[in-house]
N, C-alpha and C. Protein backbone atom coordinates (compact mmCIF):
# COMPACT_ATOMS: atom_id res chain seq x y z
N UNK A 1 110.25 132.03 132.79
CA UNK A 1 110.20 132.64 132.06
C UNK A 1 109.27 132.59 131.06
N UNK A 2 109.34 133.80 130.89
CA UNK A 2 108.11 134.15 129.40
C UNK A 2 108.14 133.86 127.83
N UNK A 3 107.62 133.19 127.64
CA UNK A 3 107.17 132.97 126.18
C UNK A 3 106.36 133.12 125.80
N UNK A 4 106.28 133.65 124.62
CA UNK A 4 105.25 134.11 123.53
C UNK A 4 104.94 132.65 122.67
N UNK A 5 103.50 132.09 122.57
CA UNK A 5 102.95 131.56 121.70
C UNK A 5 102.72 132.12 120.66
N UNK A 6 102.84 131.20 119.31
CA UNK A 6 102.31 131.51 118.39
C UNK A 6 101.47 130.34 118.01
N UNK A 7 99.76 130.48 117.41
CA UNK A 7 98.94 129.17 117.93
C UNK A 7 98.69 129.55 115.86
N UNK A 8 99.04 128.40 115.59
CA UNK A 8 97.97 128.57 114.17
C UNK A 8 97.74 127.50 113.43
N UNK A 9 95.73 127.79 113.20
CA UNK A 9 94.60 126.21 113.14
C UNK A 9 95.20 126.45 111.46
N UNK A 10 95.61 125.27 110.95
CA UNK A 10 95.45 125.05 109.51
C UNK A 10 93.61 125.57 108.96
N UNK A 11 93.70 126.14 107.51
CA UNK A 11 92.08 126.50 107.73
C UNK A 11 91.33 125.17 107.85
N UNK A 12 91.00 124.43 106.24
CA UNK A 12 89.91 123.28 106.55
C UNK A 12 89.97 122.73 108.67
N UNK A 13 90.99 122.90 109.85
CA UNK A 13 90.97 122.44 111.02
C UNK A 13 89.90 124.05 110.95
N UNK A 14 90.83 124.91 111.44
CA UNK A 14 89.67 126.21 111.38
C UNK A 14 88.32 126.52 111.20
N UNK A 15 88.56 126.00 110.09
CA UNK A 15 86.73 125.94 109.37
C UNK A 15 85.63 125.11 110.43
N UNK A 16 86.78 124.19 110.98
CA UNK A 16 86.07 121.90 112.12
C UNK A 16 85.93 122.72 112.79
N UNK A 17 86.61 123.62 113.25
CA UNK A 17 86.57 124.42 114.98
C UNK A 17 85.74 125.22 115.22
N UNK A 18 85.53 125.96 114.22
CA UNK A 18 83.95 127.06 114.59
C UNK A 18 83.11 126.98 114.29
N UNK A 19 83.53 125.90 114.32
CA UNK A 19 81.77 125.56 113.57
C UNK A 19 81.07 124.27 114.43
N UNK A 20 82.13 123.89 115.27
CA UNK A 20 81.82 122.93 116.20
C UNK A 20 81.11 123.99 118.54
N UNK A 21 80.19 123.38 118.08
CA UNK A 21 79.54 124.47 118.45
C UNK A 21 79.94 123.97 120.21
N UNK A 22 80.96 123.33 121.02
CA UNK A 22 81.18 123.12 121.75
C UNK A 22 82.34 123.64 121.55
N UNK A 23 82.82 124.59 120.77
CA UNK A 23 84.14 124.89 120.36
C UNK A 23 84.89 125.83 121.35
N UNK A 24 84.50 126.98 121.74
CA UNK A 24 84.76 128.71 122.94
C UNK A 24 84.18 127.49 123.74
N UNK A 25 83.74 126.46 124.48
CA UNK A 25 84.18 126.21 126.32
C UNK A 25 85.52 125.28 125.73
N UNK A 26 86.11 125.12 124.45
CA UNK A 26 86.54 123.83 125.12
C UNK A 26 88.45 124.55 124.47
N UNK A 27 88.07 126.13 123.85
CA UNK A 27 88.77 126.62 124.06
C UNK A 27 89.08 127.45 125.54
N UNK A 28 88.33 128.28 125.93
CA UNK A 28 87.90 128.59 127.84
C UNK A 28 88.82 127.05 128.03
N UNK A 29 88.49 126.60 128.68
CA UNK A 29 89.13 125.10 129.20
C UNK A 29 90.05 125.03 128.63
N UNK A 30 91.21 125.83 128.22
CA UNK A 30 91.98 125.48 127.47
C UNK A 30 92.84 126.60 128.51
N UNK A 31 92.13 127.34 127.87
CA UNK A 31 93.14 129.12 128.36
C UNK A 31 93.02 129.65 130.00
N UNK A 32 92.04 129.33 130.07
CA UNK A 32 92.02 128.60 131.67
C UNK A 32 92.80 127.87 132.61
N UNK A 33 93.07 127.14 131.74
CA UNK A 33 94.29 125.39 131.78
C UNK A 33 95.80 127.13 132.15
N UNK A 34 96.38 127.28 131.23
CA UNK A 34 97.89 127.25 130.84
C UNK A 34 97.10 128.98 131.38
N UNK A 35 96.40 129.81 131.65
CA UNK A 35 96.10 130.90 131.92
C UNK A 35 97.38 132.36 131.07
N UNK A 36 96.79 133.01 130.37
CA UNK A 36 98.26 133.46 129.46
C UNK A 36 97.68 134.69 130.03
N UNK A 37 98.79 135.47 129.96
CA UNK A 37 99.52 136.72 131.11
C UNK A 37 98.35 137.62 129.35
N UNK A 38 98.16 137.60 128.05
CA UNK A 38 97.85 138.05 127.76
C UNK A 38 97.80 136.91 125.80
N UNK A 39 96.50 137.17 125.86
CA UNK A 39 95.97 136.59 123.71
C UNK A 39 95.16 137.64 123.03
N UNK A 40 95.51 137.87 121.96
CA UNK A 40 95.56 138.39 120.62
C UNK A 40 95.05 137.60 119.99
N UNK A 41 94.27 137.11 118.90
CA UNK A 41 93.34 136.35 117.66
C UNK A 41 93.39 137.65 117.18
N UNK A 42 94.59 136.86 115.48
CA UNK A 42 94.23 137.33 114.32
C UNK A 42 94.24 136.33 113.33
N UNK A 43 94.79 136.86 112.42
CA UNK A 43 95.10 136.15 110.67
C UNK A 43 96.73 136.40 110.76
N UNK A 44 96.57 135.49 110.49
CA UNK A 44 98.51 135.95 109.53
C UNK A 44 98.93 134.56 108.80
N UNK A 45 99.26 134.98 107.83
CA UNK A 45 98.82 133.72 106.76
C UNK A 45 98.00 133.55 106.02
N UNK A 46 97.14 133.91 105.93
CA UNK A 46 95.89 133.88 105.95
C UNK A 46 94.99 132.55 106.82
N UNK A 47 95.64 132.24 108.28
CA UNK A 47 95.10 131.13 109.24
C UNK A 47 95.27 132.24 110.62
N UNK A 48 94.04 131.36 111.33
CA UNK A 48 93.56 132.22 112.11
C UNK A 48 94.91 131.74 112.80
N UNK A 49 95.51 132.74 113.92
CA UNK A 49 96.44 132.53 114.98
C UNK A 49 96.24 133.30 116.11
N UNK A 50 96.31 132.85 116.94
CA UNK A 50 96.22 132.92 118.95
C UNK A 50 97.89 133.56 118.96
N UNK A 51 97.87 134.43 119.63
CA UNK A 51 99.48 135.29 119.95
C UNK A 51 98.94 135.57 121.77
N UNK A 52 99.63 135.12 122.67
CA UNK A 52 100.04 134.25 124.12
C UNK A 52 100.98 134.45 124.39
N UNK A 53 101.00 135.22 126.00
CA UNK A 53 101.96 135.27 126.22
C UNK A 53 102.01 134.35 127.82
N UNK A 54 103.09 133.68 127.99
CA UNK A 54 102.72 132.46 128.92
C UNK A 54 104.19 132.73 129.39
N UNK A 55 103.85 132.15 130.77
CA UNK A 55 105.02 132.52 130.94
C UNK A 55 105.28 130.68 131.64
N UNK A 56 106.10 130.38 131.92
CA UNK A 56 106.55 128.53 131.82
C UNK A 56 107.87 129.01 134.03
N UNK A 57 107.81 128.43 134.18
CA UNK A 57 108.44 128.46 135.16
C UNK A 57 109.73 127.43 135.22
N UNK A 58 109.29 125.85 134.48
CA UNK A 58 110.01 124.91 133.96
C UNK A 58 110.25 123.98 132.98
N UNK A 59 111.39 124.68 132.04
CA UNK A 59 110.98 123.50 130.50
C UNK A 59 110.38 122.52 130.06
N UNK A 60 109.99 121.12 131.65
CA UNK A 60 109.37 120.28 131.54
C UNK A 60 107.58 120.17 131.67
N UNK A 61 107.79 122.03 131.97
CA UNK A 61 105.88 122.06 132.21
C UNK A 61 105.33 122.22 130.73
N UNK A 62 106.51 122.48 129.43
CA UNK A 62 106.11 122.95 127.92
C UNK A 62 104.93 122.02 127.54
N UNK A 63 104.78 120.89 127.66
CA UNK A 63 104.10 119.98 126.82
C UNK A 63 102.23 120.50 128.01
N UNK A 64 102.44 121.55 129.22
CA UNK A 64 100.81 121.58 129.73
C UNK A 64 100.33 122.31 128.86
N UNK A 65 101.82 123.78 127.83
CA UNK A 65 101.36 124.43 127.15
C UNK A 65 100.94 124.08 125.77
N UNK A 66 101.93 123.44 125.25
CA UNK A 66 102.18 122.49 123.52
C UNK A 66 100.38 121.70 123.80
N UNK A 67 100.58 120.83 124.73
CA UNK A 67 99.46 119.68 123.48
C UNK A 67 97.97 119.51 123.57
N UNK A 68 97.23 120.89 124.49
CA UNK A 68 95.92 121.01 123.98
C UNK A 68 95.68 121.93 122.86
N UNK A 69 96.53 122.45 122.11
CA UNK A 69 96.50 122.69 121.29
C UNK A 69 96.26 122.15 120.10
N UNK A 70 97.74 121.53 120.41
CA UNK A 70 98.02 119.82 119.26
C UNK A 70 96.91 118.75 119.05
N UNK A 71 96.86 118.06 120.26
CA UNK A 71 96.03 117.39 120.60
C UNK A 71 94.16 118.08 119.99
N UNK A 72 93.86 119.25 120.99
CA UNK A 72 92.48 119.84 120.55
C UNK A 72 92.29 119.83 119.45
N UNK A 73 92.52 120.98 118.71
CA UNK A 73 92.88 121.39 117.42
C UNK A 73 93.03 121.59 116.37
N UNK A 74 95.05 120.28 116.25
CA UNK A 74 95.12 119.92 115.07
C UNK A 74 95.45 121.18 115.13
N UNK A 75 96.65 122.22 116.24
CA UNK A 75 97.36 123.53 115.41
C UNK A 75 98.48 123.14 115.33
N UNK A 76 98.87 124.76 114.75
CA UNK A 76 100.65 124.26 114.60
C UNK A 76 101.09 125.13 115.60
N UNK A 77 102.21 125.12 117.09
CA UNK A 77 102.40 125.57 117.73
C UNK A 77 103.62 126.46 117.35
N UNK A 78 103.87 127.53 117.77
CA UNK A 78 105.25 128.38 118.19
C UNK A 78 105.67 129.00 119.46
N UNK A 79 106.74 128.82 119.41
CA UNK A 79 106.94 128.66 120.90
C UNK A 79 108.78 129.53 121.22
N UNK A 80 108.63 130.92 121.41
CA UNK A 80 109.88 131.75 121.38
C UNK A 80 109.61 132.30 123.06
N UNK A 81 111.27 132.26 123.35
CA UNK A 81 111.26 132.55 123.73
C UNK A 81 111.34 134.91 124.80
N UNK A 82 110.82 135.54 125.32
CA UNK A 82 110.66 136.67 125.22
C UNK A 82 111.09 137.81 126.45
N UNK A 83 110.96 138.75 126.42
CA UNK A 83 111.59 139.66 127.48
C UNK A 83 111.07 140.61 127.60
N UNK A 84 110.48 141.13 128.92
CA UNK A 84 109.40 142.39 128.85
C UNK A 84 110.61 143.23 128.12
N UNK A 85 109.47 145.30 128.66
CA UNK A 85 110.76 145.97 128.50
C UNK A 85 111.08 146.34 129.37
N UNK A 86 111.20 145.48 130.56
CA UNK A 86 112.05 145.85 131.89
C UNK A 86 113.39 144.96 132.24
N UNK A 87 113.04 143.77 131.73
CA UNK A 87 113.90 142.53 131.31
C UNK A 87 115.13 143.58 130.89
N UNK A 88 114.50 144.00 129.68
CA UNK A 88 115.47 144.13 128.68
C UNK A 88 116.30 145.29 128.43
N UNK A 89 115.98 145.82 129.61
CA UNK A 89 116.67 147.29 130.03
C UNK A 89 117.62 146.18 131.38
N UNK A 90 118.12 145.53 131.72
CA UNK A 90 118.51 144.99 132.72
C UNK A 90 119.62 143.94 132.45
N UNK A 91 119.14 143.41 130.24
CA UNK A 91 120.31 143.19 129.45
C UNK A 91 120.87 143.97 129.19
N UNK A 92 120.63 145.24 129.09
CA UNK A 92 121.26 146.34 128.34
C UNK A 92 122.68 146.01 128.40
N UNK A 93 123.58 145.94 129.87
CA UNK A 93 124.60 146.20 130.66
C UNK A 93 125.34 145.01 130.28
N UNK A 94 124.45 143.80 129.97
CA UNK A 94 125.20 142.02 129.50
C UNK A 94 125.39 142.85 127.86
N UNK A 95 123.89 142.75 127.07
CA UNK A 95 124.63 143.30 125.78
C UNK A 95 125.66 144.24 125.34
N UNK A 96 126.44 145.38 126.67
CA UNK A 96 127.01 146.14 126.62
C UNK A 96 128.46 145.10 126.40
N UNK A 97 128.67 144.26 127.29
CA UNK A 97 129.55 143.93 127.56
C UNK A 97 129.80 142.91 126.14
N UNK A 98 128.75 142.22 125.92
CA UNK A 98 129.48 140.80 124.30
C UNK A 98 129.79 142.25 123.30
N UNK A 99 129.11 143.42 123.54
CA UNK A 99 129.51 143.96 122.27
C UNK A 99 130.91 144.80 122.67
N UNK A 100 131.24 144.47 123.07
CA UNK A 100 133.11 145.17 123.54
C UNK A 100 133.83 143.22 123.11
N UNK A 101 133.04 143.00 123.35
CA UNK A 101 134.18 141.33 123.33
C UNK A 101 134.01 140.81 121.67
N UNK A 102 133.14 141.16 121.07
CA UNK A 102 132.76 140.91 119.71
C UNK A 102 132.51 141.94 119.05
């Protein structure tokens, strides 16, 4: 199942993070382990934020995607299930039935 992760770094931790000469190596390690299908770096609400698309087969695997950001970077992580455009197209008949029902 596809999820979007929003990983936000508090300013003080983000500043320390980018000043750390090992930061890029740590980030590369985490990204190599979770293998996002897409990654976007941005600023949101005044803090460094990364958006990641990841595929998680089983819910018990969630810590593999969340804990590295909490433990290594002190980040805030939000996780949202997401559909591709193709999946949304497949969902349209279901949505149509629900519209009729409710």
